[in-house]
N, C-alpha and C. Protein backbone atom coordinates (compact mmCIF):
# COMPACT_ATOMS: atom_id res chain seq x y z
N MET A 1 82.34 111.40 125.55
CA MET A 1 81.26 112.24 125.36
C MET A 1 79.96 111.80 125.54
N SER A 2 79.59 111.05 124.61
CA SER A 2 78.18 111.19 123.65
C SER A 2 77.41 110.58 125.08
N ASP A 3 77.89 109.70 126.14
CA ASP A 3 77.28 109.55 127.27
C ASP A 3 76.46 110.90 128.12
N TYR A 4 76.78 111.72 128.21
CA TYR A 4 76.27 113.01 128.78
C TYR A 4 75.08 113.21 128.25
N TYR A 5 74.69 112.79 127.11
CA TYR A 5 73.26 113.14 126.45
C TYR A 5 72.11 112.04 127.16
N LYS A 6 71.08 112.44 126.98
CA LYS A 6 69.58 111.84 127.54
C LYS A 6 68.82 112.36 125.84
N LYS A 7 68.60 111.13 125.37
CA LYS A 7 67.50 111.28 124.14
C LYS A 7 66.34 111.01 124.96
N LYS A 8 65.22 111.91 124.04
CA LYS A 8 63.61 111.74 123.80
C LYS A 8 63.12 111.64 122.99
N TYR A 9 62.62 110.82 122.22
CA TYR A 9 61.86 110.52 121.03
C TYR A 9 60.57 110.93 120.95
N ILE A 10 59.68 111.76 120.10
CA ILE A 10 58.42 111.64 119.71
C ILE A 10 57.45 111.38 118.94
N LYS A 11 57.16 110.16 118.79
CA LYS A 11 56.47 110.02 117.07
C LYS A 11 55.61 111.88 117.12
N THR A 12 55.60 111.61 115.27
CA THR A 12 55.27 113.07 114.98
C THR A 12 53.86 112.57 114.10
N SER A 13 53.09 111.81 114.36
CA SER A 13 52.08 111.49 113.36
C SER A 13 51.76 110.07 113.41
N LYS A 14 50.53 109.53 113.64
CA LYS A 14 49.58 108.20 113.92
C LYS A 14 50.53 107.44 112.66
N ASN A 15 50.31 108.24 111.46
CA ASN A 15 50.56 107.06 110.77
C ASN A 15 52.10 106.74 110.26
N ASP A 16 53.03 107.60 111.26
CA ASP A 16 54.84 107.27 110.96
C ASP A 16 55.55 106.29 111.54
N SER A 17 55.87 105.62 110.30
CA SER A 17 56.49 104.11 110.54
C SER A 17 57.94 104.64 110.66
N CYS A 18 58.27 105.74 110.35
CA CYS A 18 59.94 105.71 110.29
C CYS A 18 60.71 105.73 112.25
N CYS A 19 59.71 105.90 113.10
CA CYS A 19 59.99 106.31 114.51
C CYS A 19 60.00 104.39 114.75
N PRO A 20 61.12 104.03 115.09
CA PRO A 20 61.14 102.85 115.95
C PRO A 20 60.03 103.14 117.01
N ASP A 21 59.43 101.03 117.45
CA ASP A 21 58.36 101.05 118.22
C ASP A 21 58.65 101.63 119.45
N SER A 22 59.72 101.66 119.97
CA SER A 22 60.53 102.19 121.36
C SER A 22 60.23 102.93 121.52
N CYS A 23 60.26 104.26 120.54
CA CYS A 23 59.95 105.35 121.10
C CYS A 23 58.58 106.02 120.99
N CYS A 24 57.39 105.81 120.31
CA CYS A 24 56.56 105.97 119.51
C CYS A 24 55.58 106.03 120.67
N TYR A 25 54.36 106.65 120.50
CA TYR A 25 53.56 107.15 121.32
C TYR A 25 52.28 107.38 120.68
N PRO A 26 50.88 106.71 120.46
CA PRO A 26 49.53 107.11 119.50
C PRO A 26 49.46 108.38 119.99
N ASP A 27 48.24 108.99 119.22
CA ASP A 27 47.78 109.89 119.26
C ASP A 27 48.28 111.06 119.56
N LEU A 28 49.84 111.81 118.88
CA LEU A 28 50.26 112.89 119.29
C LEU A 28 49.93 113.20 118.16
N GLU A 29 49.98 114.83 118.20
CA GLU A 29 49.83 116.16 117.43
C GLU A 29 51.20 115.89 117.21
N PRO A 30 51.42 116.69 115.52
CA PRO A 30 52.91 116.65 115.72
C PRO A 30 53.61 117.80 116.33
N THR A 31 55.06 117.25 116.17
CA THR A 31 55.85 118.21 117.33
C THR A 31 57.51 118.16 116.91
N PHE A 32 58.17 117.67 117.63
CA PHE A 32 59.44 117.31 117.73
C PHE A 32 60.21 116.82 118.49
N SER A 33 61.52 115.81 117.54
CA SER A 33 62.26 115.24 118.79
C SER A 33 63.85 116.48 118.83
N PHE A 34 64.03 115.73 120.20
CA PHE A 34 65.19 116.64 120.55
C PHE A 34 66.52 115.52 121.75
N SER A 35 67.67 116.49 121.28
CA SER A 35 68.31 115.87 122.90
C SER A 35 68.36 116.77 123.27
N GLU A 36 69.36 116.82 125.00
CA GLU A 36 69.65 117.48 125.57
C GLU A 36 70.61 117.18 126.56
N PRO A 37 71.82 118.34 126.53
CA PRO A 37 72.84 117.99 127.84
C PRO A 37 72.22 117.45 129.21
N ILE A 38 73.06 116.26 129.63
CA ILE A 38 72.74 116.16 131.03
C ILE A 38 73.78 116.92 131.83
N SER A 39 74.04 117.73 133.12
CA SER A 39 74.35 118.44 133.86
C SER A 39 75.48 117.49 134.31
N VAL A 40 76.80 117.77 133.94
CA VAL A 40 78.10 116.74 134.88
C VAL A 40 78.81 117.62 135.79
N PHE A 41 79.02 117.05 137.30
CA PHE A 41 79.28 118.41 137.84
C PHE A 41 80.73 118.06 138.32
N SER A 42 82.04 117.22 137.62
CA SER A 42 83.17 116.75 137.31
C SER A 42 83.99 117.69 136.39
N ALA A 43 84.84 117.62 136.88
CA ALA A 43 86.03 118.39 135.66
C ALA A 43 86.66 117.22 134.54
N SER A 44 86.53 118.03 133.24
CA SER A 44 86.93 116.67 132.94
C SER A 44 88.21 117.01 132.16
N PRO A 45 89.08 115.62 131.83
CA PRO A 45 90.30 116.21 132.06
C PRO A 45 90.78 117.13 130.63
N ILE A 46 92.21 117.96 130.37
CA ILE A 46 92.16 118.46 129.42
C ILE A 46 92.81 118.10 128.15
N LEU A 47 91.87 117.93 126.98
CA LEU A 47 91.76 117.79 125.93
C LEU A 47 92.99 118.49 125.18
N THR A 48 94.01 118.17 124.56
CA THR A 48 95.21 119.17 123.75
C THR A 48 94.63 118.82 122.17
N VAL A 49 94.58 120.05 121.58
CA VAL A 49 94.48 119.75 120.09
C VAL A 49 95.74 120.27 119.42
N THR A 50 96.20 119.30 118.46
CA THR A 50 97.29 119.80 117.43
C THR A 50 96.85 120.19 115.94
N ASN A 51 97.99 119.78 115.04
CA ASN A 51 97.45 120.27 114.17
C ASN A 51 96.68 119.04 113.04
N ILE A 52 96.33 117.88 113.86
CA ILE A 52 95.35 117.07 113.11
C ILE A 52 93.91 117.14 114.29
N GLU A 53 93.23 116.73 113.35
CA GLU A 53 91.30 117.65 113.57
C GLU A 53 91.30 116.22 115.00
N THR A 54 91.10 117.01 115.73
CA THR A 54 89.93 115.86 117.17
C THR A 54 88.98 115.85 117.29
N SER A 55 88.54 114.78 118.11
CA SER A 55 86.70 114.82 117.82
C SER A 55 86.82 115.16 119.50
N ILE A 56 86.03 116.11 120.33
CA ILE A 56 85.69 116.81 121.01
C ILE A 56 84.66 116.32 121.75
N THR A 57 83.34 116.08 121.22
CA THR A 57 82.05 115.66 121.60
C THR A 57 81.24 115.08 120.42
N ASN A 58 80.05 114.28 120.47
CA ASN A 58 79.27 113.96 119.55
C ASN A 58 77.86 114.24 120.18
N LEU A 59 76.86 113.81 119.35
CA LEU A 59 75.31 113.81 119.53
C LEU A 59 74.50 113.39 118.61
N THR A 60 73.27 112.29 119.21
CA THR A 60 72.56 111.99 118.06
C THR A 60 71.43 112.42 118.74
N ILE A 61 70.69 112.77 117.61
CA ILE A 61 69.04 112.81 117.62
C ILE A 61 67.75 112.30 116.64
N ASN A 62 66.93 111.99 117.08
CA ASN A 62 66.36 110.91 116.05
C ASN A 62 64.95 112.02 115.80
N THR A 63 64.83 111.97 114.05
CA THR A 63 63.51 112.53 114.08
C THR A 63 62.97 111.59 112.91
N CYS A 64 61.36 111.43 113.43
CA CYS A 64 60.57 110.67 112.61
C CYS A 64 60.12 111.26 111.40
N GLN A 65 60.65 112.80 110.99
CA GLN A 65 59.85 113.07 109.78
C GLN A 65 61.28 113.90 109.20
N ASN A 66 60.84 114.68 108.15
CA ASN A 66 62.18 115.70 107.99
C ASN A 66 61.93 116.96 108.29
N SER A 67 63.21 117.36 108.96
CA SER A 67 63.29 117.97 109.80
C SER A 67 64.31 118.90 109.71
N LEU A 68 63.89 120.43 110.10
CA LEU A 68 65.74 121.16 110.05
C LEU A 68 65.98 120.89 111.45
N ILE A 69 67.53 120.75 111.54
CA ILE A 69 68.29 120.50 112.90
C ILE A 69 68.95 121.50 113.35
N GLU A 70 68.29 122.53 114.69
CA GLU A 70 69.54 123.83 114.92
C GLU A 70 70.69 122.85 115.90
N LEU A 71 71.94 122.79 115.87
CA LEU A 71 72.77 122.36 116.53
C LEU A 71 73.61 123.82 116.90
N ARG A 72 73.64 123.53 118.88
CA ARG A 72 74.78 124.89 119.30
C ARG A 72 75.31 124.52 119.73
N GLY A 73 76.55 125.02 120.39
CA GLY A 73 77.06 124.68 121.46
C GLY A 73 78.03 125.73 121.67
N LEU A 74 78.88 125.59 122.55
CA LEU A 74 79.83 126.42 123.40
C LEU A 74 81.31 125.37 123.60
N VAL A 75 82.68 126.20 123.71
CA VAL A 75 83.53 125.11 124.17
C VAL A 75 84.88 126.57 124.75
N GLY A 76 85.00 125.74 125.74
CA GLY A 76 86.01 126.88 126.76
C GLY A 76 86.87 126.07 126.25
N TRP A 77 88.44 127.38 125.91
CA TRP A 77 89.63 126.69 125.47
C TRP A 77 90.80 127.83 125.89
N SER A 78 91.89 127.76 125.60
CA SER A 78 93.08 128.33 125.85
C SER A 78 94.41 127.78 124.96
N THR A 79 95.62 128.44 125.07
CA THR A 79 97.08 128.01 124.46
C THR A 79 98.23 128.32 125.12
N PRO A 80 99.07 127.52 125.52
CA PRO A 80 100.16 127.82 125.76
C PRO A 80 100.38 128.60 125.33
N ASP A 81 100.98 128.67 123.45
CA ASP A 81 101.03 129.44 122.66
C ASP A 81 100.38 130.80 122.15
N GLU A 82 101.49 131.85 121.55
CA GLU A 82 101.13 132.65 121.00
C GLU A 82 100.44 133.00 119.88
N ASP A 83 99.61 133.44 119.19
CA ASP A 83 99.00 133.59 117.35
C ASP A 83 98.47 131.84 117.23
N VAL A 84 97.58 131.70 117.93
CA VAL A 84 97.13 130.19 117.50
C VAL A 84 95.85 130.65 116.99
N LEU A 85 95.68 129.67 115.65
CA LEU A 85 94.15 129.24 115.07
C LEU A 85 93.94 128.44 115.07
N THR A 86 92.65 128.34 115.62
CA THR A 86 91.86 127.29 115.62
C THR A 86 90.87 126.89 115.10
N ILE A 87 90.75 125.93 113.68
CA ILE A 87 89.18 125.44 113.47
C ILE A 87 88.72 124.90 113.76
N TRP A 88 87.63 125.02 114.29
CA TRP A 88 86.01 124.21 114.55
C TRP A 88 85.35 123.65 113.54
N ARG A 89 84.77 122.47 113.64
CA ARG A 89 83.86 121.95 112.68
C ARG A 89 82.59 121.15 113.05
N ILE A 90 81.64 121.21 111.97
CA ILE A 90 80.42 120.02 112.30
C ILE A 90 80.40 119.04 111.38
N ARG A 91 81.46 117.74 111.99
CA ARG A 91 80.61 116.54 110.50
C ARG A 91 79.48 115.81 110.75
N ARG A 92 78.84 115.36 109.75
CA ARG A 92 78.10 115.08 109.93
C ARG A 92 78.30 113.46 109.97
N THR A 93 78.53 112.25 110.86
CA THR A 93 79.15 111.24 111.86
C THR A 93 80.15 110.94 111.67
N ALA A 94 81.33 110.34 112.23
CA ALA A 94 82.40 110.68 112.51
C ALA A 94 83.40 110.21 111.27
N GLY A 95 84.11 110.98 111.12
CA GLY A 95 85.03 111.26 109.26
C GLY A 95 84.07 111.78 108.60
N GLY A 96 82.73 112.03 108.51
CA GLY A 96 81.89 112.24 107.84
C GLY A 96 82.05 113.71 106.89
N PRO A 97 81.25 114.42 106.31
CA PRO A 97 81.16 115.25 105.37
C PRO A 97 81.40 116.74 106.53
N ILE A 98 81.87 117.75 106.53
CA ILE A 98 81.97 118.77 107.34
C ILE A 98 80.70 119.59 106.92
N ILE A 99 79.79 119.41 107.58
CA ILE A 99 78.71 120.42 107.81
C ILE A 99 78.53 121.85 107.86
N TRP A 100 79.65 122.25 109.02
CA TRP A 100 80.21 123.52 109.39
C TRP A 100 81.72 123.77 109.53
N GLU A 101 82.09 125.10 109.69
CA GLU A 101 83.28 125.22 110.07
C GLU A 101 83.83 126.85 110.23
N ALA A 102 84.23 126.97 111.14
CA ALA A 102 84.95 128.49 111.58
C ALA A 102 86.37 128.37 111.71
N ARG A 103 86.73 129.44 112.33
CA ARG A 103 87.85 129.37 112.64
C ARG A 103 88.17 131.14 113.63
N ASN A 104 88.86 130.15 114.59
CA ASN A 104 89.13 131.16 115.88
C ASN A 104 90.14 131.63 116.31
N GLY A 105 90.99 132.52 116.40
CA GLY A 105 92.30 133.03 117.13
C GLY A 105 92.51 133.48 118.14
N ILE A 106 93.76 132.94 118.95
CA ILE A 106 93.62 133.77 119.97
C ILE A 106 95.46 134.65 119.45
N GLY A 107 95.13 135.84 119.68
CA GLY A 107 96.25 137.03 119.30
C GLY A 107 97.82 137.25 119.87
N VAL A 108 98.70 138.07 119.62
CA VAL A 108 99.69 138.11 120.08
C VAL A 108 100.14 138.62 121.21
N ASP A 109 99.02 139.18 122.12
CA ASP A 109 100.12 139.53 123.35
C ASP A 109 99.88 138.60 124.85
N SER A 110 100.41 138.60 125.11
CA SER A 110 100.89 137.69 126.71
C SER A 110 99.32 137.93 127.46
N GLY A 111 98.93 136.94 128.21
CA GLY A 111 98.20 137.03 128.78
C GLY A 111 96.84 136.46 127.98
N GLU A 112 96.80 137.15 126.95
CA GLU A 112 95.40 136.27 125.83
C GLU A 112 95.09 135.52 125.94
N GLN A 113 96.03 134.69 126.21
CA GLN A 113 95.74 132.85 125.89
C GLN A 113 95.49 132.35 127.07
N SER A 114 94.64 133.33 128.16
CA SER A 114 94.32 132.42 129.38
C SER A 114 93.27 131.51 129.37
N GLY A 115 91.82 132.33 128.26
CA GLY A 115 90.74 131.34 128.30
C GLY A 115 90.13 132.52 126.96
N TYR A 116 89.25 130.97 126.48
CA TYR A 116 87.95 131.87 124.99
C TYR A 116 87.05 130.70 125.48
N ILE A 117 86.09 131.50 124.61
CA ILE A 117 84.97 130.44 124.66
C ILE A 117 84.39 130.61 123.21
N THR A 118 84.16 129.47 122.57
CA THR A 118 83.69 129.61 120.99
C THR A 118 82.23 129.15 120.99
N SER A 119 81.60 130.06 120.23
CA SER A 119 80.05 129.41 120.50
C SER A 119 79.70 128.78 119.16
N ILE A 120 79.01 128.15 118.99
CA ILE A 120 78.57 127.35 117.36
C ILE A 120 77.28 127.27 117.18
N LEU A 121 76.91 127.63 116.42
CA LEU A 121 75.24 127.76 115.77
C LEU A 121 75.62 127.52 113.89
N HIS A 122 74.26 126.35 113.74
CA HIS A 122 74.51 126.05 112.53
C HIS A 122 73.19 125.14 112.38
N ALA A 123 72.57 125.17 111.37
CA ALA A 123 71.11 124.71 111.13
C ALA A 123 71.52 123.81 109.98
N ASP A 124 71.16 122.66 110.49
CA ASP A 124 71.09 121.39 109.01
C ASP A 124 69.54 120.73 108.60
N ASN A 125 69.80 121.71 107.04
CA ASN A 125 68.69 121.35 106.55
C ASN A 125 68.01 120.30 105.84
N ASN A 126 69.09 119.25 105.79
CA ASN A 126 69.70 118.03 105.36
C ASN A 126 69.34 116.79 106.10
N ALA A 127 68.67 116.73 107.12
CA ALA A 127 68.93 115.54 108.44
C ALA A 127 67.61 114.61 107.96
N LEU A 128 68.10 113.35 107.78
CA LEU A 128 67.64 112.36 107.64
C LEU A 128 65.87 111.57 108.82
N CYS A 129 65.28 111.09 108.16
CA CYS A 129 64.48 110.10 109.01
C CYS A 129 65.41 109.42 109.92
N GLY A 130 65.24 109.27 111.00
CA GLY A 130 65.96 108.18 111.90
C GLY A 130 67.10 109.12 112.34
N ASN A 131 68.28 108.40 112.78
CA ASN A 131 69.34 109.03 113.66
C ASN A 131 70.01 110.03 112.98
N ASN A 132 70.33 110.77 113.36
CA ASN A 132 71.00 112.07 112.76
C ASN A 132 72.42 112.04 113.86
N THR A 133 73.62 111.72 113.38
CA THR A 133 74.66 111.80 114.52
C THR A 133 75.43 113.19 113.93
N TYR A 134 76.17 113.46 115.10
CA TYR A 134 76.80 115.09 114.48
C TYR A 134 78.01 115.06 115.37
N VAL A 135 79.11 115.51 114.96
CA VAL A 135 80.48 115.33 115.84
C VAL A 135 81.31 116.64 115.64
N LEU A 136 81.62 117.23 116.99
CA LEU A 136 82.29 118.48 116.97
C LEU A 136 83.91 118.57 117.32
N THR A 137 84.28 119.18 116.15
CA THR A 137 85.95 118.79 116.36
C THR A 137 86.48 119.80 115.92
N ALA A 138 87.90 119.98 116.36
CA ALA A 138 88.66 121.12 116.73
C ALA A 138 90.19 120.37 116.09
N GLN A 139 90.47 121.59 115.33
CA GLN A 139 92.02 121.47 114.76
C GLN A 139 93.24 123.02 115.03
N VAL A 140 94.36 122.50 115.27
CA VAL A 140 95.14 123.98 115.20
C VAL A 140 95.71 124.11 113.50
N ASP A 141 95.26 125.12 112.98
CA ASP A 141 95.40 125.08 111.46
C ASP A 141 96.68 124.79 111.01
N PRO A 142 97.31 124.24 110.53
CA PRO A 142 98.74 123.72 110.25
C PRO A 142 99.47 124.74 109.54
N VAL A 143 98.76 125.33 108.87
CA VAL A 143 99.42 126.33 107.74
C VAL A 143 99.99 127.69 108.71
N THR A 144 98.98 128.51 109.46
CA THR A 144 99.30 129.43 110.18
C THR A 144 99.62 129.00 111.63
N SER A 145 99.06 128.04 112.42
CA SER A 145 100.16 127.53 113.94
C SER A 145 100.40 126.09 113.74
N ALA A 146 101.56 125.65 112.63
CA ALA A 146 102.16 124.68 112.43
C ALA A 146 102.91 124.21 114.18
N ASN A 147 102.70 123.12 114.58
CA ASN A 147 103.52 122.72 115.66
C ASN A 147 102.97 123.65 117.15
N LEU A 148 101.68 123.80 116.89
CA LEU A 148 101.28 124.70 118.13
C LEU A 148 100.45 123.60 118.63
N THR A 149 99.61 124.48 119.42
CA THR A 149 98.22 123.33 120.72
C THR A 149 97.50 124.75 121.13
N ALA A 150 96.18 123.63 121.30
CA ALA A 150 95.19 124.59 122.20
C ALA A 150 94.51 123.22 122.81
N ASN A 151 94.28 124.11 124.29
CA ASN A 151 93.70 123.11 124.77
C ASN A 151 92.45 123.26 125.69
N ILE A 152 90.91 122.17 125.49
CA ILE A 152 89.95 122.52 125.92
C ILE A 152 89.81 122.40 126.84
N ASN A 153 89.83 123.12 127.88
CA ASN A 153 89.61 122.93 129.01
C ASN A 153 88.39 123.48 130.08
N GLY A 154 87.65 124.08 128.70
CA GLY A 154 86.33 125.00 129.83
C GLY A 154 85.49 123.73 129.56
N PRO A 155 84.33 124.80 129.76
CA PRO A 155 82.96 124.07 128.98
C PRO A 155 82.57 123.36 127.50
N ILE A 156 81.95 122.21 127.52
CA ILE A 156 81.95 122.01 126.67
C ILE A 156 80.14 121.72 126.26
N VAL A 157 79.61 122.38 125.75
CA VAL A 157 78.23 121.88 125.51
C VAL A 157 77.80 121.83 124.11
N PHE A 158 77.15 120.48 123.51
CA PHE A 158 76.59 120.66 122.56
C PHE A 158 74.95 119.96 122.57
N ASN A 159 74.48 120.58 121.65
CA ASN A 159 73.52 120.24 121.83
C ASN A 159 72.07 120.51 121.01
N ALA A 160 71.10 119.63 120.65
CA ALA A 160 70.35 120.07 119.09
C ALA A 160 69.01 120.15 118.85
N THR A 161 68.04 120.43 118.61
CA THR A 161 66.92 120.72 118.00
C THR A 161 66.44 120.42 117.07
N ALA A 162 65.27 119.65 116.73
CA ALA A 162 64.77 119.45 115.63
C ALA A 162 63.71 119.90 115.21
N TYR A 163 63.10 120.64 114.29
CA TYR A 163 62.48 121.11 113.97
C TYR A 163 61.16 120.69 112.38
N PRO A 164 60.15 120.24 112.41
CA PRO A 164 59.69 119.59 111.37
C PRO A 164 59.39 120.63 110.21
N LEU A 165 59.86 120.20 108.84
CA LEU A 165 59.37 121.25 108.10
C LEU A 165 58.13 120.46 107.50
């Protein structure tokens, strides 16, 4: 999914040596760097999530100075089962530390399994100068929903905006 993102890099000062030459433009006032999703008009295959943490998508944002990075996302999902609790996480790099976690469940009534949208909002104030990679993951709770599944079958949006500190 990372190919669905285009990157824009902006130099934040004349003397900024942290930004690679290929992305720097001289004489710019302090500003921010960001990544944004590119519209994709084809349906993605359904991604089935089990009791094992599964990567949904990732993004990389380049910052040329210390920044706060706002991460936002939406994930459309459903389940063929009842009483499914799903754990959503943002990790810094694949397999890296968890920087955000939330739990979202679907109740016992039939028909409630038809579709949900989970929204994500987190601010990372420990971003590094250079590339910052984030991975959005999901896992069906192995304790309360053992051997059940969830299907990622709706929109997937994951984007980042960096604000200089």
